[in-house]
Amino acid sequence: MVNGRWSVVSRNRPSGLLTWLKPCFYFFILLAPCFSLLAEARADVIDRVIAVVNGRPVALSELTERAAPLAKQASETFSGPEREKRLAEVRKRVLESLIEDILLEQEAEKAGMKVSERDIGDAIDDVKKQNSLDDEGLKVALKREGLTYEGYRVQIKRQIEKSRVIGQQVRSKVSVSEKDLAEYYERNQRMFMSDAEVKVSHILFLVPEKSSDAEIESVKKQALDVLDMAGKGKDFAELAREYSQDVSAKEGGSLGYFKRGQILPAIEGAAFSLKKGEISDLVRTTYGFHIIKVDDAKGATPEPFESVKEKIKSTLTSEMMEQRYKEWMEELKKSAIIEIKL
């Protein structure tokens, strides 16, 4: 609408309202390694030991339960030999995950990690808060996932233990220096570039819906006449005030600064192809004909180091922790007695 608050060329100006998306009920992924159980995966499984990790047996049922969601996805996506190949890959990856979990549990036991009932309660309270659940709602959700409340508390306890072991063996051994941050910034400046933007003015000649060819040509002729005047040096702002049919006319056609993706594609294409002070040819949109002028153009520039320092630190810390975890886990596996019977 040209009579609205914003000009017709604006594509996504803020409305002043924020949409709050509540977290989906995926806290099992955050606090436990995928405990969804599928009935068809549980039914009629002949249980047996498929691996032994430092004397701790791993049952086929454990693998089946944890692999169920991924196996279901693979079965629905693929067929024939490819399906069997994918299912074998799922089983292999999940078994590796199970072995790592057992090693973590054993390390927690060696280190004497103690998790109090309060620790477990606080973690569950956080889950309820994040998902807007009360006690009854949590129990209902757990039941849908095939879990009991008591069983879930056990899983939370194990996850806290493993988290603390990782904190002791991984997080505490990762340190990011100022030099690391500066070098990362220099190597990856393209990641920290501010978007290019243009300051745009325009003159709009509206073409009403269902206009006849003759009416469209009449509007186009008027637009071309004004374009000719602008090309001959007549003040663009004055022309906009006199001829533009957009609400921006009273501002001399000024629309302000825009980045890519914030204005109509046709306007964006013209504006970002022009240099400061240049005027476009006629631009056609669903609203009518536009004459575009670029009042200012700002190229992409690197954001200051200080403004992105914390973001870099977070990224580097995550990368270093992942690498340290892999190395530490490899050390655990090499020193462990692991027998695969699958």
C-alpha atoms as a PDB file:
ATOM      1  CA  MET A   1       0.000   0.000   0.000  1.00  0.00           C
ATOM      2  CA  VAL A   2       1.369   3.413  -0.930  1.00  0.00           C
ATOM      3  CA  ASN A   3      -0.626   5.019   1.862  1.00  0.00           C
ATOM      4  CA  GLY A   4       0.926   2.804   4.541  1.00  0.00           C
ATOM      5  CA  ARG A   5       3.766   3.709   6.796  1.00  0.00           C
ATOM      6  CA  TRP A   6       6.420   2.205   4.564  1.00  0.00           C
ATOM      7  CA  SER A   7       7.121   2.737   0.889  1.00  0.00           C
ATOM      8  CA  VAL A   8       5.994   0.083  -1.556  1.00  0.00           C
ATOM      9  CA  VAL A   9       9.581  -0.833  -2.388  1.00  0.00           C
ATOM     10  CA  SER A  10      10.381  -1.961   1.144  1.00  0.00           C
ATOM     11  CA  ARG A  11      10.399  -5.716   1.385  1.00  0.00           C
ATOM     12  CA  ASN A  12      10.873  -6.548   5.044  1.00  0.00           C
ATOM     13  CA  ARG A  13      10.873  -3.484   7.234  1.00  0.00           C
ATOM     14  CA  PRO A  14      10.488  -4.294  10.951  1.00  0.00           C
ATOM     15  CA  SER A  15       6.954  -4.439  12.230  1.00  0.00           C
ATOM     16  CA  GLY A  16       7.922  -3.919  15.847  1.00  0.00           C
ATOM     17  CA  LEU A  17       6.773  -7.432  16.745  1.00  0.00           C
ATOM     18  CA  LEU A  18       9.130 -10.259  17.593  1.00  0.00           C
ATOM     19  CA  THR A  19       8.152 -13.857  16.943  1.00  0.00           C
ATOM     20  CA  TRP A  20       9.248 -16.118  19.787  1.00  0.00           C
ATOM     21  CA  LEU A  21       9.825 -19.683  18.701  1.00  0.00           C
ATOM     22  CA  LYS A  22       9.656 -22.071  21.641  1.00  0.00           C
ATOM     23  CA  PRO A  23      12.265 -24.835  21.586  1.00  0.00           C
ATOM     24  CA  CYS A  24      10.921 -28.071  20.208  1.00  0.00           C
ATOM     25  CA  PHE A  25      10.810 -31.042  22.544  1.00  0.00           C
ATOM     26  CA  TYR A  26      14.376 -32.021  21.622  1.00  0.00           C
ATOM     27  CA  PHE A  27      15.923 -31.920  25.059  1.00  0.00           C
ATOM     28  CA  PHE A  28      16.612 -35.609  24.670  1.00  0.00           C
ATOM     29  CA  ILE A  29      19.155 -34.652  22.046  1.00  0.00           C
ATOM     30  CA  LEU A  30      20.665 -32.009  24.310  1.00  0.00           C
ATOM     31  CA  LEU A  31      20.753 -34.011  27.496  1.00  0.00           C
ATOM     32  CA  ALA A  32      20.770 -37.589  26.280  1.00  0.00           C
ATOM     33  CA  PRO A  33      22.062 -39.317  23.133  1.00  0.00           C
ATOM     34  CA  CYS A  34      18.760 -39.942  21.384  1.00  0.00           C
ATOM     35  CA  PHE A  35      16.550 -42.115  23.587  1.00  0.00           C
ATOM     36  CA  SER A  36      13.511 -42.240  21.265  1.00  0.00           C
ATOM     37  CA  LEU A  37      12.299 -45.812  21.120  1.00  0.00           C
ATOM     38  CA  LEU A  38      10.308 -47.193  18.249  1.00  0.00           C
ATOM     39  CA  ALA A  39       7.904 -49.982  19.017  1.00  0.00           C
ATOM     40  CA  GLU A  40       8.725 -51.851  15.837  1.00  0.00           C
ATOM     41  CA  ALA A  41      12.424 -51.723  16.703  1.00  0.00           C
ATOM     42  CA  ARG A  42      11.813 -53.213  20.164  1.00  0.00           C
ATOM     43  CA  ALA A  43       9.468 -55.987  19.137  1.00  0.00           C
ATOM     44  CA  ASP A  44      10.684 -59.558  19.040  1.00  0.00           C
ATOM     45  CA  VAL A  45      14.391 -58.669  19.294  1.00  0.00           C
ATOM     46  CA  ILE A  46      16.498 -61.649  20.307  1.00  0.00           C
ATOM     47  CA  ASP A  47      18.973 -59.974  22.619  1.00  0.00           C
ATOM     48  CA  ARG A  48      22.653 -60.852  22.616  1.00  0.00           C
ATOM     49  CA  VAL A  49      26.003 -59.269  23.427  1.00  0.00           C
ATOM     50  CA  ILE A  50      27.458 -57.439  20.423  1.00  0.00           C
ATOM     51  CA  ALA A  51      30.483 -55.808  22.080  1.00  0.00           C
ATOM     52  CA  VAL A  52      32.427 -55.727  25.324  1.00  0.00           C
ATOM     53  CA  VAL A  53      34.138 -52.539  26.534  1.00  0.00           C
ATOM     54  CA  ASN A  54      36.581 -53.075  29.392  1.00  0.00           C
ATOM     55  CA  GLY A  55      34.415 -55.939  30.580  1.00  0.00           C
ATOM     56  CA  ARG A  56      31.131 -54.060  30.176  1.00  0.00           C
ATOM     57  CA  PRO A  57      28.830 -55.901  27.734  1.00  0.00           C
ATOM     58  CA  VAL A  58      26.848 -54.010  25.091  1.00  0.00           C
ATOM     59  CA  ALA A  59      23.506 -55.619  24.228  1.00  0.00           C
ATOM     60  CA  LEU A  60      21.936 -55.716  20.780  1.00  0.00           C
ATOM     61  CA  SER A  61      18.836 -54.100  22.309  1.00  0.00           C
ATOM     62  CA  GLU A  62      20.901 -51.041  23.298  1.00  0.00           C
ATOM     63  CA  LEU A  63      22.096 -50.624  19.730  1.00  0.00           C
ATOM     64  CA  THR A  64      18.617 -51.214  18.309  1.00  0.00           C
ATOM     65  CA  GLU A  65      17.000 -48.657  20.588  1.00  0.00           C
ATOM     66  CA  ARG A  66      19.522 -45.913  19.932  1.00  0.00           C
ATOM     67  CA  ALA A  67      19.703 -46.581  16.192  1.00  0.00           C
ATOM     68  CA  ALA A  68      15.906 -46.658  15.756  1.00  0.00           C
ATOM     69  CA  PRO A  69      15.316 -43.055  14.597  1.00  0.00           C
ATOM     70  CA  LEU A  70      18.230 -43.089  12.126  1.00  0.00           C
ATOM     71  CA  ALA A  71      17.332 -46.564  10.907  1.00  0.00           C
ATOM     72  CA  LYS A  72      13.746 -45.478  10.319  1.00  0.00           C
ATOM     73  CA  GLN A  73      14.925 -42.470   8.319  1.00  0.00           C
ATOM     74  CA  ALA A  74      17.259 -44.611   6.198  1.00  0.00           C
ATOM     75  CA  SER A  75      14.536 -47.196   5.578  1.00  0.00           C
ATOM     76  CA  GLU A  76      12.088 -44.525   4.422  1.00  0.00           C
ATOM     77  CA  THR A  77      14.636 -42.749   2.210  1.00  0.00           C
ATOM     78  CA  PHE A  78      16.422 -45.625   0.483  1.00  0.00           C
ATOM     79  CA  SER A  79      15.582 -49.038  -0.906  1.00  0.00           C
ATOM     80  CA  GLY A  80      17.316 -52.183  -2.103  1.00  0.00           C
ATOM     81  CA  PRO A  81      21.098 -52.544  -1.714  1.00  0.00           C
ATOM     82  CA  GLU A  82      21.509 -48.845  -0.928  1.00  0.00           C
ATOM     83  CA  ARG A  83      19.092 -49.194   1.975  1.00  0.00           C
ATOM     84  CA  GLU A  84      21.087 -52.107   3.419  1.00  0.00           C
ATOM     85  CA  LYS A  85      24.314 -50.158   2.974  1.00  0.00           C
ATOM     86  CA  ARG A  86      22.902 -47.141   4.807  1.00  0.00           C
ATOM     87  CA  LEU A  87      21.507 -49.270   7.631  1.00  0.00           C
ATOM     88  CA  ALA A  88      24.915 -50.901   8.078  1.00  0.00           C
ATOM     89  CA  GLU A  89      26.504 -47.436   8.278  1.00  0.00           C
ATOM     90  CA  VAL A  90      23.929 -46.388  10.892  1.00  0.00           C
ATOM     91  CA  ARG A  91      24.646 -49.457  13.022  1.00  0.00           C
ATOM     92  CA  LYS A  92      28.383 -48.834  12.799  1.00  0.00           C
ATOM     93  CA  ARG A  93      28.110 -45.149  13.769  1.00  0.00           C
ATOM     94  CA  VAL A  94      25.708 -45.827  16.619  1.00  0.00           C
ATOM     95  CA  LEU A  95      27.868 -48.633  17.990  1.00  0.00           C
ATOM     96  CA  GLU A  96      30.844 -46.249  17.998  1.00  0.00           C
ATOM     97  CA  SER A  97      28.704 -43.758  19.888  1.00  0.00           C
ATOM     98  CA  LEU A  98      27.693 -46.406  22.434  1.00  0.00           C
ATOM     99  CA  ILE A  99      31.318 -47.399  22.980  1.00  0.00           C
ATOM    100  CA  GLU A 100      32.322 -43.767  23.519  1.00  0.00           C
ATOM    101  CA  ASP A 101      29.509 -43.305  26.027  1.00  0.00           C
ATOM    102  CA  ILE A 102      30.600 -46.364  27.970  1.00  0.00           C
ATOM    103  CA  LEU A 103      34.198 -45.134  28.039  1.00  0.00           C
ATOM    104  CA  LEU A 104      32.979 -41.778  29.328  1.00  0.00           C
ATOM    105  CA  GLU A 105      30.894 -43.461  32.016  1.00  0.00           C
ATOM    106  CA  GLN A 106      33.893 -45.537  33.067  1.00  0.00           C
ATOM    107  CA  GLU A 107      36.106 -42.443  33.233  1.00  0.00           C
ATOM    108  CA  ALA A 108      33.494 -40.679  35.362  1.00  0.00           C
ATOM    109  CA  GLU A 109      33.451 -43.661  37.715  1.00  0.00           C
ATOM    110  CA  LYS A 110      37.281 -43.671  37.935  1.00  0.00           C
ATOM    111  CA  ALA A 111      37.305 -39.957  38.701  1.00  0.00           C
ATOM    112  CA  GLY A 112      34.674 -40.436  41.407  1.00  0.00           C
ATOM    113  CA  MET A 113      32.267 -38.025  39.784  1.00  0.00           C
ATOM    114  CA  LYS A 114      29.341 -37.491  42.137  1.00  0.00           C
ATOM    115  CA  VAL A 115      26.001 -36.177  40.945  1.00  0.00           C
ATOM    116  CA  SER A 116      23.578 -35.163  43.669  1.00  0.00           C
ATOM    117  CA  GLU A 117      19.808 -35.425  43.548  1.00  0.00           C
ATOM    118  CA  ARG A 118      19.765 -31.620  43.522  1.00  0.00           C
ATOM    119  CA  ASP A 119      21.994 -31.570  40.420  1.00  0.00           C
ATOM    120  CA  ILE A 120      19.562 -33.872  38.641  1.00  0.00           C
ATOM    121  CA  GLY A 121      16.565 -31.859  39.813  1.00  0.00           C
ATOM    122  CA  ASP A 122      18.113 -28.595  38.647  1.00  0.00           C
ATOM    123  CA  ALA A 123      18.815 -30.076  35.201  1.00  0.00           C
ATOM    124  CA  ILE A 124      15.242 -31.349  34.882  1.00  0.00           C
ATOM    125  CA  ASP A 125      13.876 -27.990  36.065  1.00  0.00           C
ATOM    126  CA  ASP A 126      15.886 -26.349  33.277  1.00  0.00           C
ATOM    127  CA  VAL A 127      14.418 -28.776  30.753  1.00  0.00           C
ATOM    128  CA  LYS A 128      10.892 -27.985  31.957  1.00  0.00           C
ATOM    129  CA  LYS A 129      11.563 -24.248  31.794  1.00  0.00           C
ATOM    130  CA  GLN A 130      12.979 -24.402  28.268  1.00  0.00           C
ATOM    131  CA  ASN A 131       9.985 -26.383  27.054  1.00  0.00           C
ATOM    132  CA  SER A 132       7.262 -24.653  29.135  1.00  0.00           C
ATOM    133  CA  LEU A 133       6.322 -27.865  30.920  1.00  0.00           C
ATOM    134  CA  ASP A 134       5.154 -28.648  34.433  1.00  0.00           C
ATOM    135  CA  ASP A 135       5.821 -31.989  36.154  1.00  0.00           C
ATOM    136  CA  GLU A 136       2.804 -33.667  34.603  1.00  0.00           C
ATOM    137  CA  GLY A 137       3.568 -32.306  31.145  1.00  0.00           C
ATOM    138  CA  LEU A 138       7.114 -33.647  31.343  1.00  0.00           C
ATOM    139  CA  LYS A 139       5.891 -37.097  32.336  1.00  0.00           C
ATOM    140  CA  VAL A 140       3.415 -37.129  29.452  1.00  0.00           C
ATOM    141  CA  ALA A 141       6.152 -36.116  27.008  1.00  0.00           C
ATOM    142  CA  LEU A 142       8.502 -38.777  28.375  1.00  0.00           C
ATOM    143  CA  LYS A 143       5.800 -41.404  28.043  1.00  0.00           C
ATOM    144  CA  ARG A 144       5.362 -40.492  24.383  1.00  0.00           C
ATOM    145  CA  GLU A 145       9.085 -41.159  23.957  1.00  0.00           C
ATOM    146  CA  GLY A 146       8.837 -44.509  25.701  1.00  0.00           C
ATOM    147  CA  LEU A 147      10.582 -43.296  28.861  1.00  0.00           C
ATOM    148  CA  THR A 148       9.624 -43.321  32.515  1.00  0.00           C
ATOM    149  CA  TYR A 149      10.371 -40.377  34.771  1.00  0.00           C
ATOM    150  CA  GLU A 150      12.657 -42.525  36.922  1.00  0.00           C
ATOM    151  CA  GLY A 151      14.483 -43.814  33.841  1.00  0.00           C
ATOM    152  CA  TYR A 152      14.911 -40.299  32.568  1.00  0.00           C
ATOM    153  CA  ARG A 153      16.485 -39.210  35.866  1.00  0.00           C
ATOM    154  CA  VAL A 154      19.040 -42.003  35.473  1.00  0.00           C
ATOM    155  CA  GLN A 155      19.855 -40.818  31.955  1.00  0.00           C
ATOM    156  CA  ILE A 156      20.210 -37.209  33.153  1.00  0.00           C
ATOM    157  CA  LYS A 157      22.583 -38.368  35.903  1.00  0.00           C
ATOM    158  CA  ARG A 158      24.755 -40.157  33.352  1.00  0.00           C
ATOM    159  CA  GLN A 159      24.818 -37.144  31.057  1.00  0.00           C
ATOM    160  CA  ILE A 160      25.889 -34.838  33.888  1.00  0.00           C
ATOM    161  CA  GLU A 161      28.657 -37.277  34.814  1.00  0.00           C
ATOM    162  CA  LYS A 162      29.889 -37.415  31.238  1.00  0.00           C
ATOM    163  CA  SER A 163      29.665 -33.650  30.881  1.00  0.00           C
ATOM    164  CA  ARG A 164      31.843 -33.223  33.962  1.00  0.00           C
ATOM    165  CA  VAL A 165      34.411 -35.709  32.699  1.00  0.00           C
ATOM    166  CA  ILE A 166      34.576 -33.873  29.387  1.00  0.00           C
ATOM    167  CA  GLY A 167      34.925 -30.616  31.270  1.00  0.00           C
ATOM    168  CA  GLN A 168      37.834 -32.028  33.240  1.00  0.00           C
ATOM    169  CA  GLN A 169      39.611 -33.714  30.355  1.00  0.00           C
ATOM    170  CA  VAL A 170      38.702 -31.426  27.453  1.00  0.00           C
ATOM    171  CA  ARG A 171      37.418 -27.975  28.397  1.00  0.00           C
ATOM    172  CA  SER A 172      40.028 -27.391  31.080  1.00  0.00           C
ATOM    173  CA  LYS A 173      42.809 -28.162  28.600  1.00  0.00           C
ATOM    174  CA  VAL A 174      41.622 -25.750  25.904  1.00  0.00           C
ATOM    175  CA  SER A 175      42.962 -22.219  25.969  1.00  0.00           C
ATOM    176  CA  VAL A 176      42.495 -19.523  23.322  1.00  0.00           C
ATOM    177  CA  SER A 177      45.100 -16.766  23.337  1.00  0.00           C
ATOM    178  CA  GLU A 178      44.858 -13.203  22.055  1.00  0.00           C
ATOM    179  CA  LYS A 179      47.273 -14.238  19.304  1.00  0.00           C
ATOM    180  CA  ASP A 180      44.947 -17.077  18.268  1.00  0.00           C
ATOM    181  CA  LEU A 181      42.031 -14.636  18.048  1.00  0.00           C
ATOM    182  CA  ALA A 182      43.972 -12.068  16.010  1.00  0.00           C
ATOM    183  CA  GLU A 183      45.320 -14.685  13.598  1.00  0.00           C
ATOM    184  CA  TYR A 184      41.853 -16.178  13.072  1.00  0.00           C
ATOM    185  CA  TYR A 185      40.482 -12.701  12.366  1.00  0.00           C
ATOM    186  CA  GLU A 186      43.200 -12.014   9.785  1.00  0.00           C
ATOM    187  CA  ARG A 187      42.722 -15.382   8.072  1.00  0.00           C
ATOM    188  CA  ASN A 188      38.942 -15.128   7.902  1.00  0.00           C
ATOM    189  CA  GLN A 189      38.156 -11.462   7.332  1.00  0.00           C
ATOM    190  CA  ARG A 190      35.606 -12.346   4.665  1.00  0.00           C
ATOM    191  CA  MET A 191      33.503 -13.892   7.417  1.00  0.00           C
ATOM    192  CA  PHE A 192      33.352 -10.569   9.243  1.00  0.00           C
ATOM    193  CA  MET A 193      32.451  -8.211   6.428  1.00  0.00           C
ATOM    194  CA  SER A 194      29.525  -5.869   6.912  1.00  0.00           C
ATOM    195  CA  ASP A 195      27.013  -5.946   4.053  1.00  0.00           C
ATOM    196  CA  ALA A 196      27.195  -3.452   1.220  1.00  0.00           C
ATOM    197  CA  GLU A 197      24.324  -0.961   1.268  1.00  0.00           C
ATOM    198  CA  VAL A 198      22.917   1.823  -0.853  1.00  0.00           C
ATOM    199  CA  LYS A 199      20.915   4.926  -0.068  1.00  0.00           C
ATOM    200  CA  VAL A 200      18.099   5.096  -2.585  1.00  0.00           C
ATOM    201  CA  SER A 201      15.642   7.692  -3.842  1.00  0.00           C
ATOM    202  CA  HIS A 202      12.961   6.937  -6.384  1.00  0.00           C
ATOM    203  CA  ILE A 203      10.085   8.374  -8.353  1.00  0.00           C
ATOM    204  CA  LEU A 204       7.102   6.054  -8.704  1.00  0.00           C
ATOM    205  CA  PHE A 205       4.486   6.164 -11.435  1.00  0.00           C
ATOM    206  CA  LEU A 206       1.665   3.852 -10.381  1.00  0.00           C
ATOM    207  CA  VAL A 207       0.076   1.458 -12.854  1.00  0.00           C
ATOM    208  CA  PRO A 208      -3.299   0.351 -11.444  1.00  0.00           C
ATOM    209  CA  GLU A 209      -4.295  -3.306 -11.727  1.00  0.00           C
ATOM    210  CA  LYS A 210      -6.242  -4.238 -14.866  1.00  0.00           C
ATOM    211  CA  SER A 211      -4.925  -1.178 -16.712  1.00  0.00           C
ATOM    212  CA  SER A 212      -5.313  -1.353 -20.464  1.00  0.00           C
ATOM    213  CA  ASP A 213      -2.298  -1.359 -22.754  1.00  0.00           C
ATOM    214  CA  ALA A 214      -3.073   2.226 -23.696  1.00  0.00           C
ATOM    215  CA  GLU A 215      -3.185   3.299 -20.038  1.00  0.00           C
ATOM    216  CA  ILE A 216       0.127   1.561 -19.319  1.00  0.00           C
ATOM    217  CA  GLU A 217       1.733   3.282 -22.292  1.00  0.00           C
ATOM    218  CA  SER A 218       0.422   6.639 -21.086  1.00  0.00           C
ATOM    219  CA  VAL A 219       1.984   6.148 -17.634  1.00  0.00           C
ATOM    220  CA  LYS A 220       5.210   4.973 -19.244  1.00  0.00           C
ATOM    221  CA  LYS A 221       5.382   8.062 -21.469  1.00  0.00           C
ATOM    222  CA  GLN A 222       5.006  10.339 -18.449  1.00  0.00           C
ATOM    223  CA  ALA A 223       7.748   8.379 -16.636  1.00  0.00           C
ATOM    224  CA  LEU A 224      10.064   8.693 -19.656  1.00  0.00           C
ATOM    225  CA  ASP A 225       9.472  12.445 -19.801  1.00  0.00           C
ATOM    226  CA  VAL A 226      10.443  12.804 -16.128  1.00  0.00           C
ATOM    227  CA  LEU A 227      13.436  10.513 -16.663  1.00  0.00           C
ATOM    228  CA  ASP A 228      14.558  12.806 -19.471  1.00  0.00           C
ATOM    229  CA  MET A 229      14.318  15.839 -17.164  1.00  0.00           C
ATOM    230  CA  ALA A 230      16.336  14.025 -14.487  1.00  0.00           C
ATOM    231  CA  GLY A 231      18.938  13.070 -17.065  1.00  0.00           C
ATOM    232  CA  LYS A 232      19.293  16.701 -18.096  1.00  0.00           C
ATOM    233  CA  GLY A 233      20.170  17.691 -14.552  1.00  0.00           C
ATOM    234  CA  LYS A 234      16.851  18.774 -13.038  1.00  0.00           C
ATOM    235  CA  ASP A 235      16.904  18.309  -9.261  1.00  0.00           C
ATOM    236  CA  PHE A 236      15.813  14.723  -8.530  1.00  0.00           C
ATOM    237  CA  ALA A 237      14.248  15.524  -5.161  1.00  0.00           C
ATOM    238  CA  GLU A 238      12.117  18.270  -6.727  1.00  0.00           C
ATOM    239  CA  LEU A 239      10.981  15.924  -9.481  1.00  0.00           C
ATOM    240  CA  ALA A 240      10.057  13.314  -6.870  1.00  0.00           C
ATOM    241  CA  ARG A 241       8.015  15.810  -4.860  1.00  0.00           C
ATOM    242  CA  GLU A 242       6.150  16.871  -7.995  1.00  0.00           C
ATOM    243  CA  TYR A 243       5.621  13.574  -9.823  1.00  0.00           C
ATOM    244  CA  SER A 244       6.132  10.564  -7.529  1.00  0.00           C
ATOM    245  CA  GLN A 245       3.020   8.718  -6.355  1.00  0.00           C
ATOM    246  CA  ASP A 246       4.790   7.018  -3.449  1.00  0.00           C
ATOM    247  CA  VAL A 247       4.587   8.210   0.161  1.00  0.00           C
ATOM    248  CA  SER A 248       8.292   9.021  -0.085  1.00  0.00           C
ATOM    249  CA  ALA A 249       7.501  11.921  -2.455  1.00  0.00           C
ATOM    250  CA  LYS A 250       7.322  14.432   0.402  1.00  0.00           C
ATOM    251  CA  GLU A 251      10.853  13.361   1.385  1.00  0.00           C
ATOM    252  CA  GLY A 252      12.131  14.014  -2.120  1.00  0.00           C
ATOM    253  CA  GLY A 253      11.791  10.333  -2.941  1.00  0.00           C
ATOM    254  CA  SER A 254      14.315   9.270  -0.313  1.00  0.00           C
ATOM    255  CA  LEU A 255      13.924   5.705   0.927  1.00  0.00           C
ATOM    256  CA  GLY A 256      17.034   5.546   3.105  1.00  0.00           C
ATOM    257  CA  TYR A 257      19.680   2.832   3.215  1.00  0.00           C
ATOM    258  CA  PHE A 258      19.074  -0.734   2.109  1.00  0.00           C
ATOM    259  CA  LYS A 259      21.084  -3.943   2.114  1.00  0.00           C
ATOM    260  CA  ARG A 260      20.528  -6.781  -0.322  1.00  0.00           C
ATOM    261  CA  GLY A 261      17.314  -8.666   0.359  1.00  0.00           C
ATOM    262  CA  GLN A 262      15.536  -5.671   1.898  1.00  0.00           C
ATOM    263  CA  ILE A 263      13.943  -4.159  -1.197  1.00  0.00           C
ATOM    264  CA  LEU A 264      12.071  -5.453  -4.212  1.00  0.00           C
ATOM    265  CA  PRO A 265      14.379  -7.521  -6.460  1.00  0.00           C
ATOM    266  CA  ALA A 266      13.944  -5.228  -9.471  1.00  0.00           C
ATOM    267  CA  ILE A 267      14.763  -2.144  -7.381  1.00  0.00           C
ATOM    268  CA  GLU A 268      17.687  -3.940  -5.748  1.00  0.00           C
ATOM    269  CA  GLY A 269      19.116  -4.999  -9.097  1.00  0.00           C
ATOM    270  CA  ALA A 270      19.052  -1.454 -10.401  1.00  0.00           C
ATOM    271  CA  ALA A 271      20.306   0.200  -7.216  1.00  0.00           C
ATOM    272  CA  PHE A 272      23.285  -2.100  -6.684  1.00  0.00           C
ATOM    273  CA  SER A 273      24.357  -1.738 -10.315  1.00  0.00           C
ATOM    274  CA  LEU A 274      24.607   2.056 -10.048  1.00  0.00           C
ATOM    275  CA  LYS A 275      27.345   4.252  -8.637  1.00  0.00           C
ATOM    276  CA  LYS A 276      26.728   7.097  -6.232  1.00  0.00           C
ATOM    277  CA  GLY A 277      24.802   9.878  -7.978  1.00  0.00           C
ATOM    278  CA  GLU A 278      23.740   7.779 -10.969  1.00  0.00           C
ATOM    279  CA  ILE A 279      20.134   7.454 -12.173  1.00  0.00           C
ATOM    280  CA  SER A 280      18.604   4.295 -13.603  1.00  0.00           C
ATOM    281  CA  ASP A 281      16.507   3.732 -16.685  1.00  0.00           C
ATOM    282  CA  LEU A 282      12.843   2.951 -16.026  1.00  0.00           C
ATOM    283  CA  VAL A 283      12.401  -0.004 -13.687  1.00  0.00           C
ATOM    284  CA  ARG A 284       9.157  -1.973 -13.924  1.00  0.00           C
ATOM    285  CA  THR A 285       7.612  -3.617 -10.854  1.00  0.00           C
ATOM    286  CA  THR A 286       4.109  -4.800  -9.990  1.00  0.00           C
ATOM    287  CA  TYR A 287       3.440  -1.293  -8.677  1.00  0.00           C
ATOM    288  CA  GLY A 288       4.359   0.565 -11.818  1.00  0.00           C
ATOM    289  CA  PHE A 289       7.391   2.364 -13.236  1.00  0.00           C
ATOM    290  CA  HIS A 290      10.253   3.627 -11.079  1.00  0.00           C
ATOM    291  CA  ILE A 291      13.173   5.943 -11.638  1.00  0.00           C
ATOM    292  CA  ILE A 292      15.945   5.056  -9.214  1.00  0.00           C
ATOM    293  CA  LYS A 293      18.762   7.269  -7.977  1.00  0.00           C
ATOM    294  CA  VAL A 294      21.614   6.133  -5.724  1.00  0.00           C
ATOM    295  CA  ASP A 295      22.351   8.915  -3.253  1.00  0.00           C
ATOM    296  CA  ASP A 296      25.113   7.020  -1.466  1.00  0.00           C
ATOM    297  CA  ALA A 297      26.821   3.630  -1.700  1.00  0.00           C
ATOM    298  CA  LYS A 298      28.782   1.837   1.010  1.00  0.00           C
ATOM    299  CA  GLY A 299      30.861  -1.165   0.076  1.00  0.00           C
ATOM    300  CA  ALA A 300      31.321  -4.170   2.306  1.00  0.00           C
ATOM    301  CA  THR A 301      33.873  -3.404   5.019  1.00  0.00           C
ATOM    302  CA  PRO A 302      35.425  -5.612   7.706  1.00  0.00           C
ATOM    303  CA  GLU A 303      33.858  -5.343  11.140  1.00  0.00           C
ATOM    304  CA  PRO A 304      36.293  -4.117  13.823  1.00  0.00           C
ATOM    305  CA  PHE A 305      38.211  -6.885  15.595  1.00  0.00           C
ATOM    306  CA  GLU A 306      36.901  -5.867  19.013  1.00  0.00           C
ATOM    307  CA  SER A 307      33.281  -6.164  17.896  1.00  0.00           C
ATOM    308  CA  VAL A 308      33.721  -9.776  16.710  1.00  0.00           C
ATOM    309  CA  LYS A 309      36.311 -10.908  19.251  1.00  0.00           C
ATOM    310  CA  GLU A 310      33.879 -12.841  21.459  1.00  0.00           C
ATOM    311  CA  LYS A 311      32.307 -14.520  18.447  1.00  0.00           C
ATOM    312  CA  ILE A 312      35.759 -15.649  17.270  1.00  0.00           C
ATOM    313  CA  LYS A 313      36.622 -16.888  20.748  1.00  0.00           C
ATOM    314  CA  SER A 314      33.458 -18.980  20.880  1.00  0.00           C
ATOM    315  CA  THR A 315      34.143 -20.454  17.429  1.00  0.00           C
ATOM    316  CA  LEU A 316      37.797 -21.222  18.160  1.00  0.00           C
ATOM    317  CA  THR A 317      37.002 -22.705  21.563  1.00  0.00           C
ATOM    318  CA  SER A 318      34.435 -25.053  19.997  1.00  0.00           C
ATOM    319  CA  GLU A 319      36.860 -26.121  17.265  1.00  0.00           C
ATOM    320  CA  MET A 320      39.698 -26.728  19.721  1.00  0.00           C
ATOM    321  CA  MET A 321      37.433 -28.628  22.106  1.00  0.00           C
ATOM    322  CA  GLU A 322      36.215 -30.865  19.294  1.00  0.00           C
ATOM    323  CA  GLN A 323      39.803 -31.622  18.269  1.00  0.00           C
ATOM    324  CA  ARG A 324      40.888 -32.219  21.866  1.00  0.00           C
ATOM    325  CA  TYR A 325      37.887 -34.509  22.459  1.00  0.00           C
ATOM    326  CA  LYS A 326      38.754 -36.605  19.378  1.00  0.00           C
ATOM    327  CA  GLU A 327      42.358 -36.964  20.472  1.00  0.00           C
ATOM    328  CA  TRP A 328      41.420 -37.835  24.043  1.00  0.00           C
ATOM    329  CA  MET A 329      38.803 -40.365  22.936  1.00  0.00           C
ATOM    330  CA  GLU A 330      41.348 -42.018  20.638  1.00  0.00           C
ATOM    331  CA  GLU A 331      43.679 -42.332  23.618  1.00  0.00           C
ATOM    332  CA  LEU A 332      40.895 -43.951  25.667  1.00  0.00           C
ATOM    333  CA  LYS A 333      40.097 -46.415  22.899  1.00  0.00           C
ATOM    334  CA  LYS A 334      43.739 -47.384  22.448  1.00  0.00           C
ATOM    335  CA  SER A 335      44.148 -48.115  26.148  1.00  0.00           C
ATOM    336  CA  ALA A 336      40.789 -49.911  26.444  1.00  0.00           C
ATOM    337  CA  ILE A 337      39.999 -53.554  25.790  1.00  0.00           C
ATOM    338  CA  ILE A 338      37.218 -53.445  23.204  1.00  0.00           C
ATOM    339  CA  GLU A 339      35.817 -56.580  21.588  1.00  0.00           C
ATOM    340  CA  ILE A 340      33.287 -56.228  18.754  1.00  0.00           C
ATOM    341  CA  LYS A 341      30.995 -59.233  18.221  1.00  0.00           C
ATOM    342  CA  LEU A 342      28.541 -57.703  15.754  1.00  0.00           C
END
